[in-house]
Amino acid sequence: MGRMAVTGGAGFIGSNLSEYLAAQGHRVVIVDNFTTGKEQNLAGWVQQFDGLVQVLRFDINETDRLKQAFEGADFVFHQAAIPSVPRSIADPQASNYAIVCGTLSVLVAARDAKVKRVVVASSSSVYGDDPNLPKKEESTGRALSPYALYKAVTEECCRLFYQLYGLESVCLRYFNVFGPRQDPKSEYAAVIPRFATRLLAGLPPVIYGDGEQTRDFTYVGNVVDANWLAAIHPKAAGEVFNIGCGSQTSLNTLVQELSRILGSTVAADYQPARQGDVRHSLASMEKAAGILGYRPSVPLYDGLRKVLDWYRTHAGASCTA
């Protein structure tokens, strides 16, 4: 089988992706500085794949060490980032260092190590203030946060490295990913882990704004599938793809569905809207389906049941933040 490298492999998406790759028989090198990645995301499965998984603890901006980690790799899956719009607003320099500088380091190291292809995690936030729905890859608006701006810059870096150096890259614009191992305790946690763990604890979920803002929620298993398709498909090089489910759900509807699954009657707590939040989001899946053959195998409501089951049996379920 092949040799794979995953940056941010101890994070939420990165650990799910790394486990999938190891389960397919690939040798996997995880690079993570554990700023947002967690040891517990690796516990319980790394040991099962004896000798297949190597975990390296250092910052991706250490380009020389990164090049050594990438030596012999067929594909690099670049998941490392500080994945938070509010955090990028609070500390734009730290986000820039992790996202823009980090991606540049990954691309240089991959080029020098002669990696076949780099699959890069981008974000639906790059659509910014573009009001059109569904979001199509060829049309973006003005960025509404430093995080969105930095992700757009990384896409341009990938385009240039392909054009100038022939380094194949594929950028995947994730739409509101959720699933097991997503941290609900962070101040900047995504809505589904926050809603789920508060409802499990009998507490009201906190909604910023009126709750009618919509998102295209995407189970992490679908994102893992998309990463693999992006790595192996011959026509994917140099392309950007939306990765979502192609369905639109309001936060109010999301709380109602989680409450229905749990049998909860706790009412939501509404707080003022936050800066930088996009009002509506919905992915056009036409390009990803047409080129990659990507079709989400886990719909939203099945994913919600899976993630509630996971939080019930893990420490995160006791979160009250």
C-alpha atoms as a PDB file:
ATOM      1  CA  MET A   1       0.000   0.000   0.000  1.00  0.00           C
ATOM      2  CA  GLY A   2       1.008   3.668  -0.093  1.00  0.00           C
ATOM      3  CA  ARG A   3       2.641   6.109   2.289  1.00  0.00           C
ATOM      4  CA  MET A   4       0.477   9.062   3.394  1.00  0.00           C
ATOM      5  CA  ALA A   5       1.188  12.191   5.424  1.00  0.00           C
ATOM      6  CA  VAL A   6      -1.508  14.063   7.331  1.00  0.00           C
ATOM      7  CA  THR A   7      -0.834  17.491   8.826  1.00  0.00           C
ATOM      8  CA  GLY A   8      -3.071  18.224  11.780  1.00  0.00           C
ATOM      9  CA  GLY A   9      -3.604  14.487  12.063  1.00  0.00           C
ATOM     10  CA  ALA A  10      -4.378  14.717  15.783  1.00  0.00           C
ATOM     11  CA  GLY A  11      -7.246  17.116  15.145  1.00  0.00           C
ATOM     12  CA  PHE A  12     -10.916  16.364  14.634  1.00  0.00           C
ATOM     13  CA  ILE A  13     -10.965  15.829  10.861  1.00  0.00           C
ATOM     14  CA  GLY A  14      -7.307  14.849  10.630  1.00  0.00           C
ATOM     15  CA  SER A  15      -7.610  11.993  13.126  1.00  0.00           C
ATOM     16  CA  ASN A  16     -10.690  10.582  11.399  1.00  0.00           C
ATOM     17  CA  LEU A  17      -8.883  10.766   8.066  1.00  0.00           C
ATOM     18  CA  SER A  18      -5.685   9.228   9.463  1.00  0.00           C
ATOM     19  CA  GLU A  19      -7.602   6.334  10.996  1.00  0.00           C
ATOM     20  CA  TYR A  20      -9.361   5.693   7.686  1.00  0.00           C
ATOM     21  CA  LEU A  21      -6.052   5.646   5.779  1.00  0.00           C
ATOM     22  CA  ALA A  22      -4.453   3.256   8.259  1.00  0.00           C
ATOM     23  CA  ALA A  23      -7.508   0.991   8.109  1.00  0.00           C
ATOM     24  CA  GLN A  24      -6.982   0.752   4.343  1.00  0.00           C
ATOM     25  CA  GLY A  25      -3.460  -0.555   4.973  1.00  0.00           C
ATOM     26  CA  HIS A  26      -1.515   2.618   4.189  1.00  0.00           C
ATOM     27  CA  ARG A  27       1.469   3.788   6.205  1.00  0.00           C
ATOM     28  CA  VAL A  28       0.508   7.111   7.791  1.00  0.00           C
ATOM     29  CA  VAL A  29       2.740   9.884   9.106  1.00  0.00           C
ATOM     30  CA  ILE A  30       0.876  12.349  11.332  1.00  0.00           C
ATOM     31  CA  VAL A  31       2.419  15.794  11.846  1.00  0.00           C
ATOM     32  CA  ASP A  32       0.838  17.892  14.599  1.00  0.00           C
ATOM     33  CA  ASN A  33       2.072  20.433  17.135  1.00  0.00           C
ATOM     34  CA  PHE A  34      -0.925  19.604  19.377  1.00  0.00           C
ATOM     35  CA  THR A  35      -2.000  23.225  19.693  1.00  0.00           C
ATOM     36  CA  THR A  36      -5.536  22.250  18.727  1.00  0.00           C
ATOM     37  CA  GLY A  37      -4.906  18.527  18.128  1.00  0.00           C
ATOM     38  CA  LYS A  38      -5.368  16.167  21.056  1.00  0.00           C
ATOM     39  CA  GLU A  39      -3.747  12.978  22.280  1.00  0.00           C
ATOM     40  CA  GLN A  40      -7.173  11.468  22.964  1.00  0.00           C
ATOM     41  CA  ASN A  41      -8.031  11.748  19.269  1.00  0.00           C
ATOM     42  CA  LEU A  42      -5.295   9.189  18.612  1.00  0.00           C
ATOM     43  CA  ALA A  43      -5.857   6.975  21.630  1.00  0.00           C
ATOM     44  CA  GLY A  44      -7.607   3.667  21.069  1.00  0.00           C
ATOM     45  CA  TRP A  45      -6.849   3.281  17.369  1.00  0.00           C
ATOM     46  CA  VAL A  46      -3.197   4.145  16.608  1.00  0.00           C
ATOM     47  CA  GLN A  47      -2.026   1.114  18.592  1.00  0.00           C
ATOM     48  CA  GLN A  48      -4.326  -1.151  16.574  1.00  0.00           C
ATOM     49  CA  PHE A  49      -2.324  -0.495  13.417  1.00  0.00           C
ATOM     50  CA  ASP A  50       1.013  -1.773  14.663  1.00  0.00           C
ATOM     51  CA  GLY A  51       3.844  -0.060  12.820  1.00  0.00           C
ATOM     52  CA  LEU A  52       1.614   1.673  10.260  1.00  0.00           C
ATOM     53  CA  VAL A  53       1.135   5.011  12.058  1.00  0.00           C
ATOM     54  CA  GLN A  54       3.933   7.384  13.042  1.00  0.00           C
ATOM     55  CA  VAL A  55       3.148  10.509  15.077  1.00  0.00           C
ATOM     56  CA  LEU A  56       5.569  13.455  14.812  1.00  0.00           C
ATOM     57  CA  ARG A  57       5.146  16.396  17.165  1.00  0.00           C
ATOM     58  CA  PHE A  58       6.315  19.654  15.612  1.00  0.00           C
ATOM     59  CA  ASP A  59       4.989  22.785  13.931  1.00  0.00           C
ATOM     60  CA  ILE A  60       4.333  22.639  10.191  1.00  0.00           C
ATOM     61  CA  ASN A  61       6.244  25.907   9.769  1.00  0.00           C
ATOM     62  CA  GLU A  62       9.414  23.931  10.499  1.00  0.00           C
ATOM     63  CA  THR A  63       9.799  23.345   6.776  1.00  0.00           C
ATOM     64  CA  ASP A  64      12.999  21.272   6.850  1.00  0.00           C
ATOM     65  CA  ARG A  65      11.513  18.800   9.331  1.00  0.00           C
ATOM     66  CA  LEU A  66       8.315  18.736   7.320  1.00  0.00           C
ATOM     67  CA  LYS A  67      10.229  17.853   4.158  1.00  0.00           C
ATOM     68  CA  GLN A  68      11.797  14.900   5.973  1.00  0.00           C
ATOM     69  CA  ALA A  69       8.350  13.768   7.150  1.00  0.00           C
ATOM     70  CA  PHE A  70       7.044  13.939   3.571  1.00  0.00           C
ATOM     71  CA  GLU A  71       9.903  11.948   2.015  1.00  0.00           C
ATOM     72  CA  GLY A  72       8.471   8.958   0.171  1.00  0.00           C
ATOM     73  CA  ALA A  73       4.854  10.050   0.655  1.00  0.00           C
ATOM     74  CA  ASP A  74       2.442   9.494  -2.200  1.00  0.00           C
ATOM     75  CA  PHE A  75      -0.097  12.008  -0.941  1.00  0.00           C
ATOM     76  CA  VAL A  76      -0.149  14.759   1.673  1.00  0.00           C
ATOM     77  CA  PHE A  77      -3.459  15.651   3.312  1.00  0.00           C
ATOM     78  CA  HIS A  78      -3.106  19.153   4.745  1.00  0.00           C
ATOM     79  CA  GLN A  79      -5.617  19.545   7.576  1.00  0.00           C
ATOM     80  CA  ALA A  80      -3.567  21.656  10.001  1.00  0.00           C
ATOM     81  CA  ALA A  81      -5.032  25.080  10.820  1.00  0.00           C
ATOM     82  CA  ILE A  82      -6.653  27.133  13.540  1.00  0.00           C
ATOM     83  CA  PRO A  83     -10.198  26.322  12.365  1.00  0.00           C
ATOM     84  CA  SER A  84     -12.250  29.162  13.795  1.00  0.00           C
ATOM     85  CA  VAL A  85     -13.759  32.374  12.432  1.00  0.00           C
ATOM     86  CA  PRO A  86     -14.142  33.991  15.908  1.00  0.00           C
ATOM     87  CA  ARG A  87     -10.592  33.020  16.880  1.00  0.00           C
ATOM     88  CA  SER A  88      -9.214  34.572  13.688  1.00  0.00           C
ATOM     89  CA  ILE A  89     -10.981  37.811  14.566  1.00  0.00           C
ATOM     90  CA  ALA A  90      -9.599  37.727  18.114  1.00  0.00           C
ATOM     91  CA  ASP A  91      -6.046  36.875  16.988  1.00  0.00           C
ATOM     92  CA  PRO A  92      -5.549  37.402  13.240  1.00  0.00           C
ATOM     93  CA  GLN A  93      -1.759  37.050  13.418  1.00  0.00           C
ATOM     94  CA  ALA A  94      -1.869  33.588  14.973  1.00  0.00           C
ATOM     95  CA  SER A  95      -4.397  32.450  12.373  1.00  0.00           C
ATOM     96  CA  ASN A  96      -2.288  33.858   9.557  1.00  0.00           C
ATOM     97  CA  TYR A  97       0.795  32.028  10.846  1.00  0.00           C
ATOM     98  CA  ALA A  98      -1.043  28.716  11.109  1.00  0.00           C
ATOM     99  CA  ILE A  99      -3.060  28.937   7.887  1.00  0.00           C
ATOM    100  CA  VAL A 100      -1.165  30.992   5.304  1.00  0.00           C
ATOM    101  CA  CYS A 101       2.421  30.478   6.485  1.00  0.00           C
ATOM    102  CA  GLY A 102       1.665  26.884   7.387  1.00  0.00           C
ATOM    103  CA  THR A 103       0.217  26.081   3.968  1.00  0.00           C
ATOM    104  CA  LEU A 104       3.178  27.705   2.224  1.00  0.00           C
ATOM    105  CA  SER A 105       5.508  25.548   4.308  1.00  0.00           C
ATOM    106  CA  VAL A 106       3.509  22.433   3.394  1.00  0.00           C
ATOM    107  CA  LEU A 107       3.636  23.254  -0.311  1.00  0.00           C
ATOM    108  CA  VAL A 108       7.391  23.936  -0.275  1.00  0.00           C
ATOM    109  CA  ALA A 109       8.089  20.732   1.650  1.00  0.00           C
ATOM    110  CA  ALA A 110       5.814  18.676  -0.626  1.00  0.00           C
ATOM    111  CA  ARG A 111       7.437  20.127  -3.739  1.00  0.00           C
ATOM    112  CA  ASP A 112      10.946  19.406  -2.475  1.00  0.00           C
ATOM    113  CA  ALA A 113       9.985  15.898  -1.325  1.00  0.00           C
ATOM    114  CA  LYS A 114       8.436  15.213  -4.756  1.00  0.00           C
ATOM    115  CA  VAL A 115       5.037  14.304  -3.339  1.00  0.00           C
ATOM    116  CA  LYS A 116       2.511  13.259  -5.986  1.00  0.00           C
ATOM    117  CA  ARG A 117      -0.351  15.422  -4.755  1.00  0.00           C
ATOM    118  CA  VAL A 118      -1.426  17.615  -1.839  1.00  0.00           C
ATOM    119  CA  VAL A 119      -5.077  17.677  -0.765  1.00  0.00           C
ATOM    120  CA  VAL A 120      -5.746  20.904   1.131  1.00  0.00           C
ATOM    121  CA  ALA A 121      -8.573  21.680   3.547  1.00  0.00           C
ATOM    122  CA  SER A 122     -10.198  24.946   2.516  1.00  0.00           C
ATOM    123  CA  SER A 123     -13.508  26.345   3.742  1.00  0.00           C
ATOM    124  CA  SER A 124     -16.940  27.494   2.622  1.00  0.00           C
ATOM    125  CA  SER A 125     -16.126  30.758   4.407  1.00  0.00           C
ATOM    126  CA  VAL A 126     -14.280  31.880   1.251  1.00  0.00           C
ATOM    127  CA  TYR A 127     -17.692  32.660  -0.282  1.00  0.00           C
ATOM    128  CA  GLY A 128     -17.927  35.617   2.104  1.00  0.00           C
ATOM    129  CA  ASP A 129     -20.675  38.075   1.252  1.00  0.00           C
ATOM    130  CA  ASP A 130     -21.651  36.409  -2.026  1.00  0.00           C
ATOM    131  CA  PRO A 131     -25.454  36.121  -1.639  1.00  0.00           C
ATOM    132  CA  ASN A 132     -26.021  33.473  -4.289  1.00  0.00           C
ATOM    133  CA  LEU A 133     -27.247  30.011  -3.314  1.00  0.00           C
ATOM    134  CA  PRO A 134     -26.186  27.336  -3.764  1.00  0.00           C
ATOM    135  CA  LYS A 135     -22.516  28.293  -3.551  1.00  0.00           C
ATOM    136  CA  LYS A 136     -20.650  27.432  -6.747  1.00  0.00           C
ATOM    137  CA  GLU A 137     -16.893  27.091  -6.930  1.00  0.00           C
ATOM    138  CA  GLU A 138     -16.384  29.726  -9.628  1.00  0.00           C
ATOM    139  CA  SER A 139     -18.065  32.531  -7.645  1.00  0.00           C
ATOM    140  CA  THR A 140     -16.826  33.981  -4.353  1.00  0.00           C
ATOM    141  CA  GLY A 141     -17.479  37.249  -2.545  1.00  0.00           C
ATOM    142  CA  ARG A 142     -15.547  39.479  -0.183  1.00  0.00           C
ATOM    143  CA  ALA A 143     -14.157  37.810   2.928  1.00  0.00           C
ATOM    144  CA  LEU A 144     -16.022  38.488   6.181  1.00  0.00           C
ATOM    145  CA  SER A 145     -13.253  37.319   8.521  1.00  0.00           C
ATOM    146  CA  PRO A 146      -9.470  36.850   8.587  1.00  0.00           C
ATOM    147  CA  TYR A 147     -10.071  33.075   8.542  1.00  0.00           C
ATOM    148  CA  ALA A 148     -11.993  33.355   5.260  1.00  0.00           C
ATOM    149  CA  LEU A 149      -9.325  35.601   3.757  1.00  0.00           C
ATOM    150  CA  TYR A 150      -6.500  33.257   4.742  1.00  0.00           C
ATOM    151  CA  LYS A 151      -8.257  30.225   3.297  1.00  0.00           C
ATOM    152  CA  ALA A 152      -8.739  32.100   0.011  1.00  0.00           C
ATOM    153  CA  VAL A 153      -5.025  32.954   0.006  1.00  0.00           C
ATOM    154  CA  THR A 154      -4.085  29.289   0.526  1.00  0.00           C
ATOM    155  CA  GLU A 155      -6.153  28.330  -2.504  1.00  0.00           C
ATOM    156  CA  GLU A 156      -4.183  30.868  -4.561  1.00  0.00           C
ATOM    157  CA  CYS A 157      -0.913  29.470  -3.199  1.00  0.00           C
ATOM    158  CA  CYS A 158      -1.960  26.003  -4.340  1.00  0.00           C
ATOM    159  CA  ARG A 159      -2.856  27.302  -7.795  1.00  0.00           C
ATOM    160  CA  LEU A 160       0.518  29.007  -8.168  1.00  0.00           C
ATOM    161  CA  PHE A 161       2.519  25.988  -6.995  1.00  0.00           C
ATOM    162  CA  TYR A 162       0.725  23.839  -9.558  1.00  0.00           C
ATOM    163  CA  GLN A 163       1.297  26.424 -12.278  1.00  0.00           C
ATOM    164  CA  LEU A 164       4.925  27.229 -11.420  1.00  0.00           C
ATOM    165  CA  TYR A 165       6.287  23.956 -10.067  1.00  0.00           C
ATOM    166  CA  GLY A 166       3.885  21.297 -11.295  1.00  0.00           C
ATOM    167  CA  LEU A 167       2.928  20.309  -7.731  1.00  0.00           C
ATOM    168  CA  GLU A 168      -0.525  18.782  -7.991  1.00  0.00           C
ATOM    169  CA  SER A 169      -2.967  20.083  -5.410  1.00  0.00           C
ATOM    170  CA  VAL A 170      -6.694  19.877  -4.755  1.00  0.00           C
ATOM    171  CA  CYS A 171      -8.549  22.275  -2.448  1.00  0.00           C
ATOM    172  CA  LEU A 172     -11.691  21.096  -0.667  1.00  0.00           C
ATOM    173  CA  ARG A 173     -14.089  23.733   0.642  1.00  0.00           C
ATOM    174  CA  TYR A 174     -15.607  22.114   3.705  1.00  0.00           C
ATOM    175  CA  PHE A 175     -19.145  23.043   4.702  1.00  0.00           C
ATOM    176  CA  ASN A 176     -19.709  22.864   8.493  1.00  0.00           C
ATOM    177  CA  VAL A 177     -18.193  19.487   9.262  1.00  0.00           C
ATOM    178  CA  PHE A 178     -19.312  17.611  12.393  1.00  0.00           C
ATOM    179  CA  GLY A 179     -18.748  14.197  13.913  1.00  0.00           C
ATOM    180  CA  PRO A 180     -16.898  12.171  16.563  1.00  0.00           C
ATOM    181  CA  ARG A 181     -13.838  13.814  18.190  1.00  0.00           C
ATOM    182  CA  GLN A 182     -15.037  17.354  17.558  1.00  0.00           C
ATOM    183  CA  ASP A 183     -14.233  19.329  20.709  1.00  0.00           C
ATOM    184  CA  PRO A 184     -17.309  20.887  22.374  1.00  0.00           C
ATOM    185  CA  LYS A 185     -15.336  22.542  25.178  1.00  0.00           C
ATOM    186  CA  SER A 186     -13.527  25.213  23.196  1.00  0.00           C
ATOM    187  CA  GLU A 187     -14.715  28.807  23.405  1.00  0.00           C
ATOM    188  CA  TYR A 188     -14.832  28.648  19.614  1.00  0.00           C
ATOM    189  CA  ALA A 189     -16.505  25.246  19.267  1.00  0.00           C
ATOM    190  CA  ALA A 190     -18.744  24.545  16.291  1.00  0.00           C
ATOM    191  CA  VAL A 191     -22.505  24.560  16.788  1.00  0.00           C
ATOM    192  CA  ILE A 192     -23.307  20.837  16.646  1.00  0.00           C
ATOM    193  CA  PRO A 193     -20.927  19.725  19.429  1.00  0.00           C
ATOM    194  CA  ARG A 194     -22.018  22.703  21.537  1.00  0.00           C
ATOM    195  CA  PHE A 195     -25.712  22.050  20.988  1.00  0.00           C
ATOM    196  CA  ALA A 196     -25.394  18.283  21.429  1.00  0.00           C
ATOM    197  CA  THR A 197     -23.394  18.329  24.648  1.00  0.00           C
ATOM    198  CA  ARG A 198     -25.530  21.006  26.281  1.00  0.00           C
ATOM    199  CA  LEU A 199     -28.740  19.141  25.442  1.00  0.00           C
ATOM    200  CA  LEU A 200     -27.232  15.911  26.776  1.00  0.00           C
ATOM    201  CA  ALA A 201     -26.427  17.781  29.996  1.00  0.00           C
ATOM    202  CA  GLY A 202     -29.992  19.155  30.217  1.00  0.00           C
ATOM    203  CA  LEU A 203     -28.842  22.701  29.440  1.00  0.00           C
ATOM    204  CA  PRO A 204     -30.219  25.143  26.840  1.00  0.00           C
ATOM    205  CA  PRO A 205     -28.251  25.330  23.577  1.00  0.00           C
ATOM    206  CA  VAL A 206     -26.965  28.850  22.901  1.00  0.00           C
ATOM    207  CA  ILE A 207     -27.874  30.350  19.515  1.00  0.00           C
ATOM    208  CA  TYR A 208     -26.179  33.557  18.369  1.00  0.00           C
ATOM    209  CA  GLY A 209     -28.720  35.586  16.388  1.00  0.00           C
ATOM    210  CA  ASP A 210     -32.291  34.582  15.541  1.00  0.00           C
ATOM    211  CA  GLY A 211     -31.470  30.989  14.610  1.00  0.00           C
ATOM    212  CA  GLU A 212     -32.724  31.346  11.070  1.00  0.00           C
ATOM    213  CA  GLN A 213     -29.210  31.399   9.644  1.00  0.00           C
ATOM    214  CA  THR A 214     -28.634  28.239   7.612  1.00  0.00           C
ATOM    215  CA  ARG A 215     -25.734  25.869   7.100  1.00  0.00           C
ATOM    216  CA  ASP A 216     -24.882  22.831   5.003  1.00  0.00           C
ATOM    217  CA  PHE A 217     -23.911  20.429   7.793  1.00  0.00           C
ATOM    218  CA  THR A 218     -21.613  17.617   6.674  1.00  0.00           C
ATOM    219  CA  TYR A 219     -20.748  14.438   8.582  1.00  0.00           C
ATOM    220  CA  VAL A 220     -17.003  13.850   8.910  1.00  0.00           C
ATOM    221  CA  GLY A 221     -17.161  10.450   7.216  1.00  0.00           C
ATOM    222  CA  ASN A 222     -18.291  12.182   4.021  1.00  0.00           C
ATOM    223  CA  VAL A 223     -15.315  14.549   4.235  1.00  0.00           C
ATOM    224  CA  VAL A 224     -12.926  11.628   4.677  1.00  0.00           C
ATOM    225  CA  ASP A 225     -14.346   9.986   1.553  1.00  0.00           C
ATOM    226  CA  ALA A 226     -13.937  13.235  -0.370  1.00  0.00           C
ATOM    227  CA  ASN A 227     -10.292  13.567   0.643  1.00  0.00           C
ATOM    228  CA  TRP A 228      -9.482  10.136  -0.713  1.00  0.00           C
ATOM    229  CA  LEU A 229     -11.332  10.761  -3.968  1.00  0.00           C
ATOM    230  CA  ALA A 230      -9.481  14.075  -4.358  1.00  0.00           C
ATOM    231  CA  ALA A 231      -6.156  12.304  -3.861  1.00  0.00           C
ATOM    232  CA  ILE A 232      -6.650   9.553  -6.418  1.00  0.00           C
ATOM    233  CA  HIS A 233      -8.821  11.038  -9.158  1.00  0.00           C
ATOM    234  CA  PRO A 234      -6.710  11.911 -12.219  1.00  0.00           C
ATOM    235  CA  LYS A 235      -8.883  14.894 -13.179  1.00  0.00           C
ATOM    236  CA  ALA A 236      -8.858  16.526  -9.747  1.00  0.00           C
ATOM    237  CA  ALA A 237      -5.405  18.160  -9.937  1.00  0.00           C
ATOM    238  CA  GLY A 238      -5.550  21.949  -9.746  1.00  0.00           C
ATOM    239  CA  GLU A 239      -9.254  21.992  -8.907  1.00  0.00           C
ATOM    240  CA  VAL A 240     -11.336  23.377  -6.043  1.00  0.00           C
ATOM    241  CA  PHE A 241     -14.396  21.460  -4.827  1.00  0.00           C
ATOM    242  CA  ASN A 242     -17.262  22.086  -2.440  1.00  0.00           C
ATOM    243  CA  ILE A 243     -17.616  19.280   0.079  1.00  0.00           C
ATOM    244  CA  GLY A 244     -21.000  19.314   1.770  1.00  0.00           C
ATOM    245  CA  CYS A 245     -24.312  17.505   1.588  1.00  0.00           C
ATOM    246  CA  GLY A 246     -26.178  19.939  -0.643  1.00  0.00           C
ATOM    247  CA  SER A 247     -28.877  20.503   1.981  1.00  0.00           C
ATOM    248  CA  GLN A 248     -29.756  23.654   3.929  1.00  0.00           C
ATOM    249  CA  THR A 249     -30.649  23.545   7.641  1.00  0.00           C
ATOM    250  CA  SER A 250     -31.349  26.441   9.987  1.00  0.00           C
ATOM    251  CA  LEU A 251     -29.935  26.453  13.506  1.00  0.00           C
ATOM    252  CA  ASN A 252     -33.482  26.435  14.869  1.00  0.00           C
ATOM    253  CA  THR A 253     -34.268  23.298  12.848  1.00  0.00           C
ATOM    254  CA  LEU A 254     -31.005  21.736  13.990  1.00  0.00           C
ATOM    255  CA  VAL A 255     -31.892  22.247  17.661  1.00  0.00           C
ATOM    256  CA  GLN A 256     -35.380  20.868  17.051  1.00  0.00           C
ATOM    257  CA  GLU A 257     -33.989  17.704  15.443  1.00  0.00           C
ATOM    258  CA  LEU A 258     -31.376  17.127  18.160  1.00  0.00           C
ATOM    259  CA  SER A 259     -34.088  17.660  20.789  1.00  0.00           C
ATOM    260  CA  ARG A 260     -36.400  15.232  19.011  1.00  0.00           C
ATOM    261  CA  ILE A 261     -33.712  12.524  18.929  1.00  0.00           C
ATOM    262  CA  LEU A 262     -32.964  13.044  22.623  1.00  0.00           C
ATOM    263  CA  GLY A 263     -36.557  13.628  23.744  1.00  0.00           C
ATOM    264  CA  SER A 264     -35.489  16.989  25.209  1.00  0.00           C
ATOM    265  CA  THR A 265     -37.832  19.922  25.837  1.00  0.00           C
ATOM    266  CA  VAL A 266     -35.157  22.449  26.841  1.00  0.00           C
ATOM    267  CA  ALA A 267     -35.603  25.772  25.007  1.00  0.00           C
ATOM    268  CA  ALA A 268     -32.718  27.498  23.239  1.00  0.00           C
ATOM    269  CA  ASP A 269     -30.976  30.538  24.752  1.00  0.00           C
ATOM    270  CA  TYR A 270     -30.694  33.311  22.133  1.00  0.00           C
ATOM    271  CA  GLN A 271     -27.722  35.676  22.272  1.00  0.00           C
ATOM    272  CA  PRO A 272     -26.613  38.586  20.017  1.00  0.00           C
ATOM    273  CA  ALA A 273     -25.237  37.593  16.605  1.00  0.00           C
ATOM    274  CA  ARG A 274     -21.460  37.272  16.255  1.00  0.00           C
ATOM    275  CA  GLN A 275     -19.159  39.187  13.937  1.00  0.00           C
ATOM    276  CA  GLY A 276     -17.991  37.456  10.778  1.00  0.00           C
ATOM    277  CA  ASP A 277     -20.780  34.882  10.625  1.00  0.00           C
ATOM    278  CA  VAL A 278     -22.180  34.143   7.169  1.00  0.00           C
ATOM    279  CA  ARG A 279     -25.979  34.342   7.113  1.00  0.00           C
ATOM    280  CA  HIS A 280     -26.745  31.466   4.723  1.00  0.00           C
ATOM    281  CA  SER A 281     -24.689  28.644   3.287  1.00  0.00           C
ATOM    282  CA  LEU A 282     -25.513  25.843   0.864  1.00  0.00           C
ATOM    283  CA  ALA A 283     -23.094  23.883  -1.292  1.00  0.00           C
ATOM    284  CA  SER A 284     -23.568  23.153  -4.946  1.00  0.00           C
ATOM    285  CA  MET A 285     -22.434  19.539  -5.268  1.00  0.00           C
ATOM    286  CA  GLU A 286     -22.494  19.458  -9.059  1.00  0.00           C
ATOM    287  CA  LYS A 287     -18.743  19.787  -9.621  1.00  0.00           C
ATOM    288  CA  ALA A 288     -17.671  17.331  -6.905  1.00  0.00           C
ATOM    289  CA  ALA A 289     -20.224  14.784  -8.110  1.00  0.00           C
ATOM    290  CA  GLY A 290     -19.364  15.262 -11.773  1.00  0.00           C
ATOM    291  CA  ILE A 291     -15.570  15.075 -11.499  1.00  0.00           C
ATOM    292  CA  LEU A 292     -14.831  13.188  -8.288  1.00  0.00           C
ATOM    293  CA  GLY A 293     -17.941  11.037  -8.200  1.00  0.00           C
ATOM    294  CA  TYR A 294     -18.460  12.350  -4.661  1.00  0.00           C
ATOM    295  CA  ARG A 295     -21.828  11.677  -3.094  1.00  0.00           C
ATOM    296  CA  PRO A 296     -22.300  11.960   0.676  1.00  0.00           C
ATOM    297  CA  SER A 297     -23.070   8.530   2.082  1.00  0.00           C
ATOM    298  CA  VAL A 298     -24.184   9.784   5.520  1.00  0.00           C
ATOM    299  CA  PRO A 299     -27.124  12.245   5.487  1.00  0.00           C
ATOM    300  CA  LEU A 300     -27.490  14.895   8.184  1.00  0.00           C
ATOM    301  CA  TYR A 301     -29.944  13.139  10.459  1.00  0.00           C
ATOM    302  CA  ASP A 302     -28.049   9.835  10.449  1.00  0.00           C
ATOM    303  CA  GLY A 303     -24.920  11.811  11.266  1.00  0.00           C
ATOM    304  CA  LEU A 304     -26.639  13.566  14.163  1.00  0.00           C
ATOM    305  CA  ARG A 305     -27.605  10.226  15.681  1.00  0.00           C
ATOM    306  CA  LYS A 306     -24.043   8.955  15.276  1.00  0.00           C
ATOM    307  CA  VAL A 307     -22.520  12.002  16.945  1.00  0.00           C
ATOM    308  CA  LEU A 308     -25.011  11.988  19.833  1.00  0.00           C
ATOM    309  CA  ASP A 309     -24.155   8.341  20.475  1.00  0.00           C
ATOM    310  CA  TRP A 310     -20.472   9.268  20.511  1.00  0.00           C
ATOM    311  CA  TYR A 311     -20.884  12.175  22.944  1.00  0.00           C
ATOM    312  CA  ARG A 312     -22.964   9.997  25.245  1.00  0.00           C
ATOM    313  CA  THR A 313     -20.025   7.629  25.726  1.00  0.00           C
ATOM    314  CA  HIS A 314     -17.158  10.152  25.864  1.00  0.00           C
ATOM    315  CA  ALA A 315     -16.062  12.757  28.334  1.00  0.00           C
ATOM    316  CA  GLY A 316     -17.155  15.604  26.054  1.00  0.00           C
ATOM    317  CA  ALA A 317     -20.783  14.740  26.792  1.00  0.00           C
ATOM    318  CA  SER A 318     -20.410  16.189  30.279  1.00  0.00           C
ATOM    319  CA  CYS A 319     -19.409  19.587  28.906  1.00  0.00           C
ATOM    320  CA  THR A 320     -21.433  22.460  30.303  1.00  0.00           C
ATOM    321  CA  ALA A 321     -19.695  25.328  28.495  1.00  0.00           C
END
